[in-house]
C-alpha atoms as a PDB file:
ATOM      1  CA  MET A   1     -28.527  13.242 -23.497  1.00  0.00           C
ATOM      2  CA  ARG A   2     -24.710  13.340 -23.710  1.00  0.00           C
ATOM      3  CA  ALA A   3     -24.858  12.250 -27.333  1.00  0.00           C
ATOM      4  CA  PHE A   4     -27.551  14.861 -28.043  1.00  0.00           C
ATOM      5  CA  LEU A   5     -25.506  17.674 -26.479  1.00  0.00           C
ATOM      6  CA  ALA A   6     -22.307  16.568 -28.240  1.00  0.00           C
ATOM      7  CA  LEU A   7     -24.101  16.571 -31.580  1.00  0.00           C
ATOM      8  CA  ALA A   8     -25.584  20.009 -30.878  1.00  0.00           C
ATOM      9  CA  ARG A   9     -22.157  21.427 -29.942  1.00  0.00           C
ATOM     10  CA  THR A  10     -20.564  19.996 -33.082  1.00  0.00           C
ATOM     11  CA  ALA A  11     -23.272  21.460 -35.315  1.00  0.00           C
ATOM     12  CA  LEU A  12     -22.984  24.807 -33.507  1.00  0.00           C
ATOM     13  CA  ARG A  13     -19.220  24.956 -34.123  1.00  0.00           C
ATOM     14  CA  GLN A  14     -19.817  24.233 -37.802  1.00  0.00           C
ATOM     15  CA  GLN A  15     -22.338  27.075 -38.040  1.00  0.00           C
ATOM     16  CA  MET A  16     -20.020  29.514 -36.234  1.00  0.00           C
ATOM     17  CA  GLN A  17     -17.344  29.042 -38.911  1.00  0.00           C
ATOM     18  CA  TYR A  18     -19.191  31.369 -41.292  1.00  0.00           C
ATOM     19  CA  ARG A  19     -18.559  34.537 -39.302  1.00  0.00           C
ATOM     20  CA  SER A  20     -17.763  36.748 -42.313  1.00  0.00           C
ATOM     21  CA  ALA A  21     -21.084  35.882 -43.940  1.00  0.00           C
ATOM     22  CA  ALA A  22     -22.830  36.521 -40.635  1.00  0.00           C
ATOM     23  CA  LEU A  23     -21.245  39.962 -40.307  1.00  0.00           C
ATOM     24  CA  ALA A  24     -22.332  40.822 -43.842  1.00  0.00           C
ATOM     25  CA  GLY A  25     -25.826  39.729 -42.859  1.00  0.00           C
ATOM     26  CA  VAL A  26     -25.721  42.043 -39.828  1.00  0.00           C
ATOM     27  CA  ALA A  27     -24.913  45.014 -42.082  1.00  0.00           C
ATOM     28  CA  THR A  28     -27.886  44.118 -44.286  1.00  0.00           C
ATOM     29  CA  GLN A  29     -30.196  43.784 -41.298  1.00  0.00           C
ATOM     30  CA  LEU A  30     -29.124  47.174 -39.947  1.00  0.00           C
ATOM     31  CA  ALA A  31     -29.886  48.765 -43.315  1.00  0.00           C
ATOM     32  CA  PHE A  32     -33.330  47.180 -43.444  1.00  0.00           C
ATOM     33  CA  GLY A  33     -33.894  48.144 -39.812  1.00  0.00           C
ATOM     34  CA  PHE A  34     -33.319  51.823 -40.664  1.00  0.00           C
ATOM     35  CA  LEU A  35     -35.678  51.524 -43.615  1.00  0.00           C
ATOM     36  CA  TYR A  36     -38.480  49.875 -41.626  1.00  0.00           C
ATOM     37  CA  ALA A  37     -38.055  52.247 -38.675  1.00  0.00           C
ATOM     38  CA  SER A  38     -38.324  55.243 -41.017  1.00  0.00           C
ATOM     39  CA  VAL A  39     -41.469  53.839 -42.618  1.00  0.00           C
ATOM     40  CA  TYR A  40     -43.151  53.268 -39.260  1.00  0.00           C
ATOM     41  CA  GLN A  41     -42.194  56.740 -38.033  1.00  0.00           C
ATOM     42  CA  ALA A  42     -43.925  58.237 -41.075  1.00  0.00           C
ATOM     43  CA  PHE A  43     -46.834  55.863 -40.500  1.00  0.00           C
ATOM     44  CA  TYR A  44     -47.360  57.087 -36.933  1.00  0.00           C
ATOM     45  CA  ALA A  45     -46.658  60.742 -37.799  1.00  0.00           C
ATOM     46  CA  GLY A  46     -49.438  60.604 -40.380  1.00  0.00           C
ATOM     47  CA  GLY A  47     -51.912  59.574 -37.710  1.00  0.00           C
ATOM     48  CA  SER A  48     -52.263  56.046 -39.092  1.00  0.00           C
ATOM     49  CA  GLY A  49     -50.723  54.346 -36.082  1.00  0.00           C
ATOM     50  CA  GLN A  50     -53.090  51.873 -34.498  1.00  0.00           C
ATOM     51  CA  GLY A  51     -53.021  48.543 -32.743  1.00  0.00           C
ATOM     52  CA  ASP A  52     -51.466  47.710 -29.395  1.00  0.00           C
ATOM     53  CA  LEU A  53     -47.929  49.028 -30.013  1.00  0.00           C
ATOM     54  CA  THR A  54     -46.597  52.546 -29.522  1.00  0.00           C
ATOM     55  CA  LEU A  55     -44.066  54.027 -31.949  1.00  0.00           C
ATOM     56  CA  ALA A  56     -41.159  53.296 -29.590  1.00  0.00           C
ATOM     57  CA  GLN A  57     -42.344  49.701 -29.160  1.00  0.00           C
ATOM     58  CA  THR A  58     -42.762  49.277 -32.910  1.00  0.00           C
ATOM     59  CA  VAL A  59     -39.217  50.537 -33.560  1.00  0.00           C
ATOM     60  CA  GLY A  60     -37.927  48.189 -30.844  1.00  0.00           C
ATOM     61  CA  TYR A  61     -39.877  45.349 -32.435  1.00  0.00           C
ATOM     62  CA  VAL A  62     -38.210  46.136 -35.781  1.00  0.00           C
ATOM     63  CA  TRP A  63     -34.684  46.021 -34.355  1.00  0.00           C
ATOM     64  CA  LEU A  64     -35.294  42.833 -32.394  1.00  0.00           C
ATOM     65  CA  SER A  65     -36.873  41.150 -35.422  1.00  0.00           C
ATOM     66  CA  GLN A  66     -33.794  42.064 -37.467  1.00  0.00           C
ATOM     67  CA  GLY A  67     -31.523  40.581 -34.808  1.00  0.00           C
ATOM     68  CA  THR A  68     -33.531  37.358 -34.606  1.00  0.00           C
ATOM     69  CA  TYR A  69     -34.263  37.172 -38.343  1.00  0.00           C
ATOM     70  CA  ARG A  70     -32.463  33.877 -38.959  1.00  0.00           C
ATOM     71  CA  MET A  71     -34.007  32.185 -35.942  1.00  0.00           C
ATOM     72  CA  MET A  72     -37.104  31.518 -38.036  1.00  0.00           C
ATOM     73  CA  PRO A  73     -37.447  28.032 -39.623  1.00  0.00           C
ATOM     74  CA  TRP A  74     -36.557  29.122 -43.161  1.00  0.00           C
ATOM     75  CA  SER A  75     -35.958  25.543 -44.252  1.00  0.00           C
ATOM     76  CA  GLY A  76     -35.398  22.020 -43.025  1.00  0.00           C
ATOM     77  CA  LEU A  77     -31.906  20.561 -42.735  1.00  0.00           C
ATOM     78  CA  ARG A  78     -30.638  20.955 -46.299  1.00  0.00           C
ATOM     79  CA  ASP A  79     -28.023  18.216 -46.035  1.00  0.00           C
ATOM     80  CA  ILE A  80     -30.794  15.742 -45.175  1.00  0.00           C
ATOM     81  CA  ASP A  81     -32.672  16.835 -48.305  1.00  0.00           C
ATOM     82  CA  ALA A  82     -29.576  15.959 -50.369  1.00  0.00           C
ATOM     83  CA  MET A  83     -29.200  12.638 -48.539  1.00  0.00           C
ATOM     84  CA  MET A  84     -32.775  11.697 -49.417  1.00  0.00           C
ATOM     85  CA  ARG A  85     -32.047  12.109 -53.120  1.00  0.00           C
ATOM     86  CA  ASP A  86     -28.711  10.275 -53.336  1.00  0.00           C
ATOM     87  CA  GLY A  87     -29.369   7.466 -50.856  1.00  0.00           C
ATOM     88  CA  ARG A  88     -26.981   8.560 -48.110  1.00  0.00           C
ATOM     89  CA  ILE A  89     -29.976   8.752 -45.788  1.00  0.00           C
ATOM     90  CA  ALA A  90     -29.244   5.082 -45.098  1.00  0.00           C
ATOM     91  CA  PHE A  91     -26.297   6.190 -42.945  1.00  0.00           C
ATOM     92  CA  GLU A  92     -28.643   8.324 -40.837  1.00  0.00           C
ATOM     93  CA  LEU A  93     -31.125   5.488 -40.419  1.00  0.00           C
ATOM     94  CA  VAL A  94     -28.581   2.959 -39.142  1.00  0.00           C
ATOM     95  CA  ARG A  95     -26.966   5.189 -36.539  1.00  0.00           C
ATOM     96  CA  PRO A  96     -27.546   3.797 -33.021  1.00  0.00           C
ATOM     97  CA  ARG A  97     -29.254   7.004 -31.919  1.00  0.00           C
ATOM     98  CA  ASP A  98     -32.781   8.334 -31.949  1.00  0.00           C
ATOM     99  CA  LEU A  99     -33.261   9.978 -35.346  1.00  0.00           C
ATOM    100  CA  PHE A 100     -35.576  12.736 -34.133  1.00  0.00           C
ATOM    101  CA  SER A 101     -33.188  13.711 -31.320  1.00  0.00           C
ATOM    102  CA  MET A 102     -30.245  13.879 -33.726  1.00  0.00           C
ATOM    103  CA  TRP A 103     -32.093  16.087 -36.181  1.00  0.00           C
ATOM    104  CA  TYR A 104     -33.589  18.244 -33.443  1.00  0.00           C
ATOM    105  CA  GLY A 105     -30.134  18.872 -31.959  1.00  0.00           C
ATOM    106  CA  ARG A 106     -28.800  19.920 -35.336  1.00  0.00           C
ATOM    107  CA  ALA A 107     -31.836  22.128 -35.974  1.00  0.00           C
ATOM    108  CA  MET A 108     -31.353  23.764 -32.582  1.00  0.00           C
ATOM    109  CA  SER A 109     -27.740  24.595 -33.438  1.00  0.00           C
ATOM    110  CA  LEU A 110     -28.785  25.866 -36.861  1.00  0.00           C
ATOM    111  CA  ARG A 111     -31.136  28.375 -35.208  1.00  0.00           C
ATOM    112  CA  THR A 112     -28.812  29.263 -32.302  1.00  0.00           C
ATOM    113  CA  ALA A 113     -25.605  30.109 -34.186  1.00  0.00           C
ATOM    114  CA  PRO A 114     -26.986  33.106 -36.145  1.00  0.00           C
ATOM    115  CA  LEU A 115     -28.654  34.358 -32.969  1.00  0.00           C
ATOM    116  CA  LEU A 116     -25.348  34.376 -31.077  1.00  0.00           C
ATOM    117  CA  ILE A 117     -23.696  36.454 -33.809  1.00  0.00           C
ATOM    118  CA  ASN A 118     -26.465  38.670 -35.139  1.00  0.00           C
ATOM    119  CA  LEU A 119     -28.490  39.616 -32.081  1.00  0.00           C
ATOM    120  CA  PRO A 120     -25.714  41.170 -29.902  1.00  0.00           C
ATOM    121  CA  LEU A 121     -24.350  43.259 -32.787  1.00  0.00           C
ATOM    122  CA  VAL A 122     -27.762  44.494 -33.899  1.00  0.00           C
ATOM    123  CA  LEU A 123     -28.737  45.295 -30.295  1.00  0.00           C
ATOM    124  CA  LEU A 124     -25.484  47.178 -29.680  1.00  0.00           C
ATOM    125  CA  ALA A 125     -25.953  49.307 -32.778  1.00  0.00           C
ATOM    126  CA  ALA A 126     -29.663  49.942 -32.113  1.00  0.00           C
ATOM    127  CA  LEU A 127     -29.091  50.928 -28.472  1.00  0.00           C
ATOM    128  CA  LEU A 128     -26.600  53.614 -29.531  1.00  0.00           C
ATOM    129  CA  LEU A 129     -28.812  55.240 -32.152  1.00  0.00           C
ATOM    130  CA  PRO A 130     -30.240  58.728 -31.557  1.00  0.00           C
ATOM    131  CA  GLY A 131     -33.836  59.798 -31.084  1.00  0.00           C
ATOM    132  CA  ASP A 132     -36.730  57.743 -32.338  1.00  0.00           C
ATOM    133  CA  PHE A 133     -34.387  55.225 -33.977  1.00  0.00           C
ATOM    134  CA  ARG A 134     -33.050  53.990 -30.637  1.00  0.00           C
ATOM    135  CA  LEU A 135     -34.012  50.598 -29.321  1.00  0.00           C
ATOM    136  CA  ARG A 136     -35.706  50.806 -25.925  1.00  0.00           C
ATOM    137  CA  LEU A 137     -35.957  47.592 -23.952  1.00  0.00           C
ATOM    138  CA  ALA A 138     -38.192  46.985 -20.949  1.00  0.00           C
ATOM    139  CA  LEU A 139     -35.460  46.207 -18.413  1.00  0.00           C
ATOM    140  CA  PRO A 140     -37.746  44.631 -15.756  1.00  0.00           C
ATOM    141  CA  MET A 141     -39.022  42.202 -18.397  1.00  0.00           C
ATOM    142  CA  LEU A 142     -35.590  41.059 -19.594  1.00  0.00           C
ATOM    143  CA  PRO A 143     -35.505  37.759 -17.606  1.00  0.00           C
ATOM    144  CA  LEU A 144     -38.934  36.696 -18.900  1.00  0.00           C
ATOM    145  CA  GLY A 145     -38.005  37.979 -22.366  1.00  0.00           C
ATOM    146  CA  ALA A 146     -34.813  35.911 -22.394  1.00  0.00           C
ATOM    147  CA  LEU A 147     -36.772  32.805 -21.345  1.00  0.00           C
ATOM    148  CA  SER A 148     -39.348  33.492 -24.048  1.00  0.00           C
ATOM    149  CA  LEU A 149     -36.592  33.972 -26.642  1.00  0.00           C
ATOM    150  CA  LEU A 150     -35.107  30.599 -25.686  1.00  0.00           C
ATOM    151  CA  LEU A 151     -38.505  28.943 -25.999  1.00  0.00           C
ATOM    152  CA  GLY A 152     -39.015  30.643 -29.368  1.00  0.00           C
ATOM    153  CA  MET A 153     -35.759  29.152 -30.595  1.00  0.00           C
ATOM    154  CA  LEU A 154     -36.780  25.688 -29.361  1.00  0.00           C
ATOM    155  CA  VAL A 155     -40.191  25.967 -31.060  1.00  0.00           C
ATOM    156  CA  SER A 156     -38.448  27.062 -34.265  1.00  0.00           C
ATOM    157  CA  ALA A 157     -36.085  24.077 -34.056  1.00  0.00           C
ATOM    158  CA  ALA A 158     -39.082  21.756 -33.641  1.00  0.00           C
ATOM    159  CA  MET A 159     -40.679  23.231 -36.766  1.00  0.00           C
ATOM    160  CA  THR A 160     -37.370  22.813 -38.625  1.00  0.00           C
ATOM    161  CA  THR A 161     -37.330  19.138 -37.666  1.00  0.00           C
ATOM    162  CA  ILE A 162     -40.899  18.712 -38.922  1.00  0.00           C
ATOM    163  CA  LEU A 163     -39.900  20.309 -42.244  1.00  0.00           C
ATOM    164  CA  THR A 164     -36.969  17.897 -42.432  1.00  0.00           C
ATOM    165  CA  GLY A 165     -39.224  14.937 -41.725  1.00  0.00           C
ATOM    166  CA  THR A 166     -41.447  15.822 -44.683  1.00  0.00           C
ATOM    167  CA  TYR A 167     -38.525  15.048 -47.008  1.00  0.00           C
ATOM    168  CA  PHE A 168     -39.381  11.368 -46.597  1.00  0.00           C
ATOM    169  CA  TRP A 169     -42.516  11.978 -48.709  1.00  0.00           C
ATOM    170  CA  THR A 170     -41.238  14.453 -51.312  1.00  0.00           C
ATOM    171  CA  VAL A 171     -39.041  14.179 -54.381  1.00  0.00           C
ATOM    172  CA  SER A 172     -37.386  17.465 -53.397  1.00  0.00           C
ATOM    173  CA  GLY A 173     -37.647  19.691 -50.355  1.00  0.00           C
ATOM    174  CA  GLN A 174     -37.592  22.870 -52.443  1.00  0.00           C
ATOM    175  CA  GLY A 175     -41.372  23.249 -52.517  1.00  0.00           C
ATOM    176  CA  ILE A 176     -42.072  23.246 -48.794  1.00  0.00           C
ATOM    177  CA  ASN A 177     -38.798  25.104 -48.098  1.00  0.00           C
ATOM    178  CA  ARG A 178     -40.064  28.008 -50.195  1.00  0.00           C
ATOM    179  CA  PHE A 179     -43.745  27.984 -49.322  1.00  0.00           C
ATOM    180  CA  LEU A 180     -44.044  27.425 -45.576  1.00  0.00           C
ATOM    181  CA  PRO A 181     -41.211  29.702 -44.356  1.00  0.00           C
ATOM    182  CA  MET A 182     -42.534  32.744 -46.214  1.00  0.00           C
ATOM    183  CA  ILE A 183     -46.064  32.186 -44.930  1.00  0.00           C
ATOM    184  CA  GLY A 184     -44.686  31.499 -41.465  1.00  0.00           C
ATOM    185  CA  SER A 185     -42.570  34.646 -41.536  1.00  0.00           C
ATOM    186  CA  PHE A 186     -45.680  36.772 -41.999  1.00  0.00           C
ATOM    187  CA  LEU A 187     -47.648  34.844 -39.372  1.00  0.00           C
ATOM    188  CA  ALA A 188     -44.780  35.247 -36.893  1.00  0.00           C
ATOM    189  CA  GLY A 189     -44.612  39.032 -37.281  1.00  0.00           C
ATOM    190  CA  ASN A 190     -41.280  39.103 -39.067  1.00  0.00           C
ATOM    191  CA  ILE A 191     -42.608  41.033 -42.080  1.00  0.00           C
ATOM    192  CA  LEU A 192     -45.157  43.212 -40.249  1.00  0.00           C
ATOM    193  CA  PRO A 193     -45.504  43.447 -36.452  1.00  0.00           C
ATOM    194  CA  LEU A 194     -48.638  41.577 -35.486  1.00  0.00           C
ATOM    195  CA  GLY A 195     -49.526  44.421 -33.122  1.00  0.00           C
ATOM    196  CA  LEU A 196     -50.302  46.649 -36.119  1.00  0.00           C
ATOM    197  CA  LEU A 197     -52.921  44.284 -37.528  1.00  0.00           C
ATOM    198  CA  PRO A 198     -56.663  44.574 -36.733  1.00  0.00           C
ATOM    199  CA  ALA A 199     -57.472  43.414 -33.214  1.00  0.00           C
ATOM    200  CA  GLY A 200     -59.348  40.211 -34.069  1.00  0.00           C
ATOM    201  CA  LEU A 201     -56.776  39.110 -36.627  1.00  0.00           C
ATOM    202  CA  ARG A 202     -53.733  39.759 -34.453  1.00  0.00           C
ATOM    203  CA  GLU A 203     -55.228  37.911 -31.478  1.00  0.00           C
ATOM    204  CA  ALA A 204     -56.015  34.914 -33.684  1.00  0.00           C
ATOM    205  CA  LEU A 205     -52.518  34.869 -35.207  1.00  0.00           C
ATOM    206  CA  ARG A 206     -50.915  35.049 -31.768  1.00  0.00           C
ATOM    207  CA  LEU A 207     -52.500  31.712 -30.910  1.00  0.00           C
ATOM    208  CA  LEU A 208     -50.604  29.999 -33.755  1.00  0.00           C
ATOM    209  CA  PRO A 209     -47.177  28.412 -33.245  1.00  0.00           C
ATOM    210  CA  PHE A 210     -45.431  30.867 -35.577  1.00  0.00           C
ATOM    211  CA  ALA A 211     -46.151  33.769 -33.227  1.00  0.00           C
ATOM    212  CA  SER A 212     -44.520  31.795 -30.407  1.00  0.00           C
ATOM    213  CA  MET A 213     -41.275  31.795 -32.388  1.00  0.00           C
ATOM    214  CA  LEU A 214     -40.908  35.561 -32.803  1.00  0.00           C
ATOM    215  CA  ASP A 215     -43.820  37.804 -31.842  1.00  0.00           C
ATOM    216  CA  ALA A 216     -44.077  36.408 -28.310  1.00  0.00           C
ATOM    217  CA  PRO A 217     -40.509  37.103 -27.083  1.00  0.00           C
ATOM    218  CA  LEU A 218     -40.347  40.442 -28.904  1.00  0.00           C
ATOM    219  CA  ARG A 219     -43.516  41.738 -27.242  1.00  0.00           C
ATOM    220  CA  ILE A 220     -42.135  40.839 -23.826  1.00  0.00           C
ATOM    221  CA  LEU A 221     -38.736  42.451 -24.469  1.00  0.00           C
ATOM    222  CA  ILE A 222     -40.218  45.771 -25.638  1.00  0.00           C
ATOM    223  CA  GLY A 223     -42.655  45.909 -22.713  1.00  0.00           C
ATOM    224  CA  ALA A 224     -45.838  45.560 -24.756  1.00  0.00           C
ATOM    225  CA  VAL A 225     -47.264  43.148 -22.159  1.00  0.00           C
ATOM    226  CA  ASP A 226     -47.297  43.127 -18.363  1.00  0.00           C
ATOM    227  CA  VAL A 227     -45.957  40.303 -16.199  1.00  0.00           C
ATOM    228  CA  GLY A 228     -49.246  38.417 -16.059  1.00  0.00           C
ATOM    229  CA  ALA A 229     -49.726  38.502 -19.823  1.00  0.00           C
ATOM    230  CA  ALA A 230     -46.063  37.592 -20.334  1.00  0.00           C
ATOM    231  CA  LEU A 231     -46.494  34.455 -18.217  1.00  0.00           C
ATOM    232  CA  GLN A 232     -49.483  33.486 -20.367  1.00  0.00           C
ATOM    233  CA  VAL A 233     -47.363  34.005 -23.487  1.00  0.00           C
ATOM    234  CA  VAL A 234     -44.614  31.768 -22.087  1.00  0.00           C
ATOM    235  CA  GLY A 235     -47.226  29.140 -21.198  1.00  0.00           C
ATOM    236  CA  LEU A 236     -48.504  29.159 -24.780  1.00  0.00           C
ATOM    237  CA  GLN A 237     -44.938  28.758 -26.041  1.00  0.00           C
ATOM    238  CA  LEU A 238     -44.440  25.731 -23.795  1.00  0.00           C
ATOM    239  CA  PHE A 239     -47.675  24.252 -25.140  1.00  0.00           C
ATOM    240  CA  TRP A 240     -46.565  24.639 -28.757  1.00  0.00           C
ATOM    241  CA  LEU A 241     -43.108  23.290 -27.958  1.00  0.00           C
ATOM    242  CA  VAL A 242     -44.610  20.074 -26.576  1.00  0.00           C
ATOM    243  CA  VAL A 243     -47.090  19.760 -29.457  1.00  0.00           C
ATOM    244  CA  LEU A 244     -44.562  20.408 -32.237  1.00  0.00           C
ATOM    245  CA  ALA A 245     -41.931  18.167 -30.658  1.00  0.00           C
ATOM    246  CA  ALA A 246     -44.465  15.327 -30.455  1.00  0.00           C
ATOM    247  CA  LEU A 247     -45.591  15.985 -34.036  1.00  0.00           C
ATOM    248  CA  GLY A 248     -41.998  16.098 -35.249  1.00  0.00           C
ATOM    249  CA  ARG A 249     -41.197  12.806 -33.566  1.00  0.00           C
ATOM    250  CA  ALA A 250     -44.281  11.251 -35.167  1.00  0.00           C
ATOM    251  CA  VAL A 251     -43.420  12.590 -38.645  1.00  0.00           C
ATOM    252  CA  VAL A 252     -39.764  11.527 -38.495  1.00  0.00           C
ATOM    253  CA  GLY A 253     -40.643   8.127 -37.023  1.00  0.00           C
ATOM    254  CA  ALA A 254     -43.295   7.405 -39.656  1.00  0.00           C
ATOM    255  CA  GLY A 255     -40.955   8.487 -42.446  1.00  0.00           C
ATOM    256  CA  ALA A 256     -38.087   6.351 -41.178  1.00  0.00           C
ATOM    257  CA  ARG A 257     -40.365   3.279 -41.018  1.00  0.00           C
ATOM    258  CA  LYS A 258     -41.532   3.672 -44.621  1.00  0.00           C
ATOM    259  CA  CYS A 259     -38.179   4.708 -46.101  1.00  0.00           C
ATOM    260  CA  MET A 260     -36.550   2.255 -48.536  1.00  0.00           C
ATOM    261  CA  VAL A 261     -33.051   2.794 -49.954  1.00  0.00           C
ATOM    262  CA  GLN A 262     -32.257   0.949 -53.198  1.00  0.00           C
ATOM    263  CA  GLY A 263     -28.890   0.278 -54.773  1.00  0.00           C
ATOM    264  CA  GLY A 264     -25.491  -0.179 -53.208  1.00  0.00           C
END
């Protein structure tokens, strides 16, 4: 565990070095937040609003999704993809540490660093906005929302590790890095809040692991669910965390056993 935490801290410090790029990303996310909030205000004003979210909750969902945008598993660990192609993966395989734990720790840092920079700045700006653009959080639900957000990050890190493990079977990770994250972003509610989809579809999508990464904590934070429903959401997140962690360990372990490095 000490080695795992040390590796996670080191990877987190590396990610935090790119603060200027992160601040530029925050400006972009604020611009898109204004755009999406304006679209949804027109959507509700035209009488088209439906689903299980009010306008205020939808606007809050937009701002929170912008702040947690980079928490989604957009790709596996890109340096591992490069190592697979040039043979340096041999150094990873001979380290006297559990390979899945090492990669999971790095994936966790990869998802945490942008959250520590982006989310507070986006929240600060959104809380100070006037009128219907203001972010409104459900204060009594903040402890459960924070727990759910942490679990969402851990589920996302598990999915990132699974993506990384698939590199053992591919010539390049570009294919899965482009396909799965975009599909997953929609399924998680990052492109369109799941609460605006038809009832049967949104309930089905909320059972998938992608919703546990983003939709679940956001619904709790904006007060779209009561305490009982929030506890069920957290329970589902814990279920997917266990399942994806076990699957990731199986994928990485099977890939490491079959991997052969030639040359020298």
